Amino acid sequence: MNNSSHPKQSRFTLPNLLTSFRFVASPLLLWLAWQGQAVMFMGLLAVCFLTDVLDGWVARLTGMISEFGATLDSWADVTLYLTIALCCWWLWPDVVKKEWLYVSMIVASCLLPAFAGFSKFGCFTSYHTWAVKLAAASMGMTLYVLFLGGPAWPFRIAAALCLMAAIEEIVLTLLLPEPKSNVRSLWFVLNPSSQHRR
């Protein structure tokens, strides 16, 4: 908005740099997984998850929220989650085979909303709904539980949350006349007047 007259400056912000870290880290995550370095992989992955939390928080705190940053964040998330799926297959193939249905649900939750967005708008959507944030946080935490030898049921619940969040995103794409960033939930689209009550 204020930065629209300075598009070049608005792209090199701290939030966007935090987001870009996930792009840079993805090839390194792949290399660590290929080398069988599970501990280092998990450590770097934790840093990636941390940047995913921090970029939005810093953007809101500093007033550096932008359409470019929202789109960049969505691309970074999809890149990271697809990288995670491949890395986990290399590092823990037996666990992935056993949980293939839930792993597939998470992969589908990344790809299907993107496909819907491109089909309707010709671009990548970046809604960042509350449901997506909850699903991403639960997936990140339960991934460690699963691959460090814990029970599988938390990961399965997280996979279901990811799929439900993806369905909400697809419905948003079907309802909205044009792409929109940072849509809190389907409720606020169906009840626009509720946004002004806070």
Protein backbone atom coordinates (compact mmCIF):
# COMPACT_ATOMS: atom_id res chain seq x y z
CA MET A 1 0.00 0.00 0.00
CA ASN A 2 2.45 2.80 1.13
CA ASN A 3 5.22 0.78 -0.47
CA SER A 4 3.45 0.45 -3.80
CA SER A 5 5.42 3.39 -5.19
CA HIS A 6 8.67 1.66 -4.20
CA PRO A 7 8.20 -1.92 -5.38
CA LYS A 8 11.92 -2.71 -5.36
CA GLN A 9 12.36 -1.65 -1.75
CA SER A 10 9.31 -3.56 -0.59
CA ARG A 11 10.78 -6.86 -1.79
CA PHE A 12 13.95 -6.74 0.27
CA THR A 13 12.33 -6.65 3.69
CA LEU A 14 13.13 -8.73 6.76
CA PRO A 15 9.88 -10.76 6.46
CA ASN A 16 10.65 -11.61 2.82
CA LEU A 17 14.23 -12.57 3.70
CA LEU A 18 12.92 -14.89 6.43
CA THR A 19 10.53 -16.43 3.91
CA SER A 20 13.30 -16.80 1.31
CA PHE A 21 15.34 -18.82 3.79
CA ARG A 22 13.00 -21.75 3.16
CA PHE A 23 13.81 -21.69 -0.56
CA VAL A 24 17.54 -21.66 0.20
CA ALA A 25 17.21 -24.38 2.84
CA SER A 26 15.18 -26.82 0.70
CA PRO A 27 18.12 -28.06 -1.45
CA LEU A 28 20.21 -28.44 1.71
CA LEU A 29 17.42 -30.43 3.36
CA LEU A 30 17.36 -32.72 0.31
CA TRP A 31 21.12 -33.17 0.48
CA LEU A 32 21.08 -33.94 4.22
CA ALA A 33 18.29 -36.49 3.72
CA TRP A 34 20.10 -38.11 0.79
CA GLN A 35 23.21 -38.40 2.98
CA GLY A 36 21.18 -39.96 5.79
CA GLN A 37 21.86 -37.09 8.18
CA ALA A 38 18.59 -37.34 10.10
CA VAL A 39 19.62 -35.25 13.11
CA MET A 40 20.98 -32.37 11.01
CA PHE A 41 17.92 -32.60 8.77
CA MET A 42 15.59 -32.28 11.75
CA GLY A 43 17.62 -29.35 13.10
CA LEU A 44 17.51 -27.40 9.85
CA LEU A 45 13.84 -28.24 9.42
CA ALA A 46 13.14 -26.74 12.86
CA VAL A 47 14.80 -23.50 11.72
CA CYS A 48 12.63 -23.53 8.58
CA PHE A 49 9.49 -23.93 10.68
CA LEU A 50 10.67 -21.08 12.90
CA THR A 51 11.06 -18.75 9.90
CA ASP A 52 7.54 -19.72 8.82
CA VAL A 53 6.26 -18.46 12.17
CA LEU A 54 8.45 -15.37 12.28
CA ASP A 55 7.96 -13.98 8.78
CA GLY A 56 4.26 -13.26 9.22
CA TRP A 57 4.73 -12.01 12.77
CA VAL A 58 7.53 -9.64 11.73
CA ALA A 59 5.52 -8.46 8.72
CA ARG A 60 2.58 -7.52 10.94
CA LEU A 61 4.80 -5.98 13.63
CA THR A 62 6.68 -3.76 11.17
CA GLY A 63 3.76 -3.01 8.83
CA MET A 64 5.57 -4.70 5.94
CA ILE A 65 2.63 -6.84 4.81
CA SER A 66 2.46 -7.03 1.01
CA GLU A 67 0.88 -9.07 -1.78
CA PHE A 68 4.36 -10.09 -2.91
CA GLY A 69 5.29 -11.27 0.57
CA ALA A 70 2.08 -13.28 0.93
CA THR A 71 2.60 -14.99 -2.43
CA LEU A 72 6.28 -15.63 -1.67
CA ASP A 73 5.31 -17.20 1.65
CA SER A 74 2.82 -19.56 -0.03
CA TRP A 75 5.39 -20.66 -2.62
CA ALA A 76 7.96 -21.20 0.14
CA ASP A 77 5.50 -23.33 2.12
CA VAL A 78 4.64 -25.55 -0.84
CA THR A 79 8.33 -25.93 -1.73
CA LEU A 80 9.19 -26.84 1.86
CA TYR A 81 6.35 -29.33 2.38
CA LEU A 82 7.04 -31.18 -0.87
CA THR A 83 10.72 -31.24 0.08
CA ILE A 84 9.80 -32.69 3.49
CA ALA A 85 7.77 -35.47 1.87
CA LEU A 86 10.67 -36.54 -0.35
CA CYS A 87 13.23 -36.24 2.46
CA CYS A 88 11.13 -38.33 4.84
CA TRP A 89 10.80 -40.99 2.16
CA TRP A 90 14.60 -41.17 1.95
CA LEU A 91 15.22 -41.07 5.69
CA TRP A 92 12.34 -43.14 7.06
CA PRO A 93 10.94 -45.22 4.16
CA ASP A 94 9.32 -47.81 6.42
CA VAL A 95 7.40 -45.18 8.39
CA VAL A 96 6.32 -43.37 5.21
CA LYS A 97 5.09 -46.65 3.67
CA LYS A 98 3.10 -47.40 6.80
CA GLU A 99 1.60 -43.89 6.91
CA TRP A 100 1.32 -43.43 3.13
CA LEU A 101 -2.35 -42.44 3.28
CA TYR A 102 -1.72 -39.59 5.71
CA VAL A 103 1.45 -38.47 3.93
CA SER A 104 -0.59 -38.40 0.70
CA MET A 105 -3.24 -36.29 2.41
CA ILE A 106 -0.62 -33.71 3.36
CA VAL A 107 0.89 -33.65 -0.13
CA ALA A 108 -2.60 -33.29 -1.63
CA SER A 109 -3.36 -30.44 0.75
CA CYS A 110 -0.38 -28.57 -0.74
CA LEU A 111 -1.09 -29.31 -4.40
CA LEU A 112 -4.88 -29.20 -4.76
CA PRO A 113 -5.43 -25.58 -3.58
CA ALA A 114 -2.59 -24.46 -5.85
CA PHE A 115 -4.15 -26.32 -8.79
CA ALA A 116 -7.55 -24.74 -8.04
CA GLY A 117 -6.00 -21.27 -7.90
CA PHE A 118 -4.18 -21.67 -11.18
CA SER A 119 -7.27 -23.14 -12.83
CA LYS A 120 -9.49 -20.20 -11.87
CA PHE A 121 -7.18 -17.21 -11.52
CA GLY A 122 -4.08 -18.26 -13.42
CA CYS A 123 -1.96 -17.58 -10.35
CA PHE A 124 -1.02 -18.99 -6.97
CA THR A 125 -3.42 -18.17 -4.13
CA SER A 126 -2.10 -17.05 -0.74
CA TYR A 127 -5.01 -16.97 1.68
CA HIS A 128 -3.10 -17.84 4.88
CA THR A 129 -6.25 -18.82 6.70
CA TRP A 130 -6.37 -19.63 10.38
CA ALA A 131 -7.07 -23.25 9.47
CA VAL A 132 -3.91 -23.45 7.33
CA LYS A 133 -1.83 -21.95 10.15
CA LEU A 134 -3.25 -24.44 12.65
CA ALA A 135 -2.71 -27.34 10.24
CA ALA A 136 0.87 -26.30 9.48
CA ALA A 137 1.73 -25.95 13.17
CA SER A 138 0.21 -29.33 14.03
CA MET A 139 1.92 -31.02 11.09
CA GLY A 140 5.29 -29.55 12.06
CA MET A 141 5.03 -30.70 15.68
CA THR A 142 3.62 -34.15 15.02
CA LEU A 143 6.17 -34.83 12.30
CA TYR A 144 8.86 -34.85 14.98
CA VAL A 145 6.78 -37.10 17.21
CA LEU A 146 6.27 -39.59 14.38
CA PHE A 147 9.83 -39.77 13.06
CA LEU A 148 11.45 -39.77 16.49
CA GLY A 149 9.60 -42.96 17.37
CA GLY A 150 6.43 -41.64 18.95
CA PRO A 151 2.81 -42.64 18.25
CA ALA A 152 1.33 -42.08 14.78
CA TRP A 153 -2.12 -40.81 15.80
CA PRO A 154 -1.11 -37.14 16.32
CA PHE A 155 0.36 -37.08 12.81
CA ARG A 156 -2.82 -38.62 11.42
CA ILE A 157 -4.93 -35.94 13.07
CA ALA A 158 -2.59 -33.28 11.65
CA ALA A 159 -2.99 -34.79 8.17
CA ALA A 160 -6.77 -34.58 8.49
CA LEU A 161 -6.46 -30.92 9.59
CA CYS A 162 -4.26 -30.21 6.56
CA LEU A 163 -6.84 -31.72 4.24
CA MET A 164 -9.72 -29.79 5.83
CA ALA A 165 -7.74 -26.55 5.57
CA ALA A 166 -7.08 -27.31 1.90
CA ILE A 167 -10.78 -27.88 1.27
CA GLU A 168 -11.54 -24.49 2.82
CA GLU A 169 -8.96 -22.88 0.51
CA ILE A 170 -10.51 -24.54 -2.55
CA VAL A 171 -13.97 -23.32 -1.52
CA LEU A 172 -12.55 -19.81 -1.10
CA THR A 173 -11.16 -19.99 -4.63
CA LEU A 174 -14.54 -21.08 -5.96
CA LEU A 175 -16.35 -18.23 -4.14
CA LEU A 176 -13.99 -15.29 -4.59
CA PRO A 177 -14.26 -13.32 -7.85
CA GLU A 178 -10.52 -12.52 -7.79
CA PRO A 179 -7.47 -13.69 -5.84
CA LYS A 180 -7.12 -12.20 -2.39
CA SER A 181 -4.31 -12.47 0.17
CA ASN A 182 -4.56 -13.05 3.92
CA VAL A 183 -8.16 -14.21 4.17
CA ARG A 184 -8.69 -15.31 7.75
CA SER A 185 -11.39 -17.91 7.08
CA LEU A 186 -14.36 -18.84 4.94
CA TRP A 187 -16.58 -17.33 7.64
CA PHE A 188 -15.30 -13.82 6.91
CA VAL A 189 -16.00 -14.24 3.19
CA LEU A 190 -19.54 -15.50 3.79
CA ASN A 191 -20.14 -12.86 6.51
CA PRO A 192 -18.15 -9.78 5.44
CA SER A 193 -19.86 -7.57 8.02
CA SER A 194 -18.24 -9.60 10.82
CA GLN A 195 -14.82 -8.20 9.86
CA HIS A 196 -15.85 -4.76 11.11
CA ARG A 197 -16.86 -5.90 14.57
CA ARG A 198 -13.34 -6.02 15.89
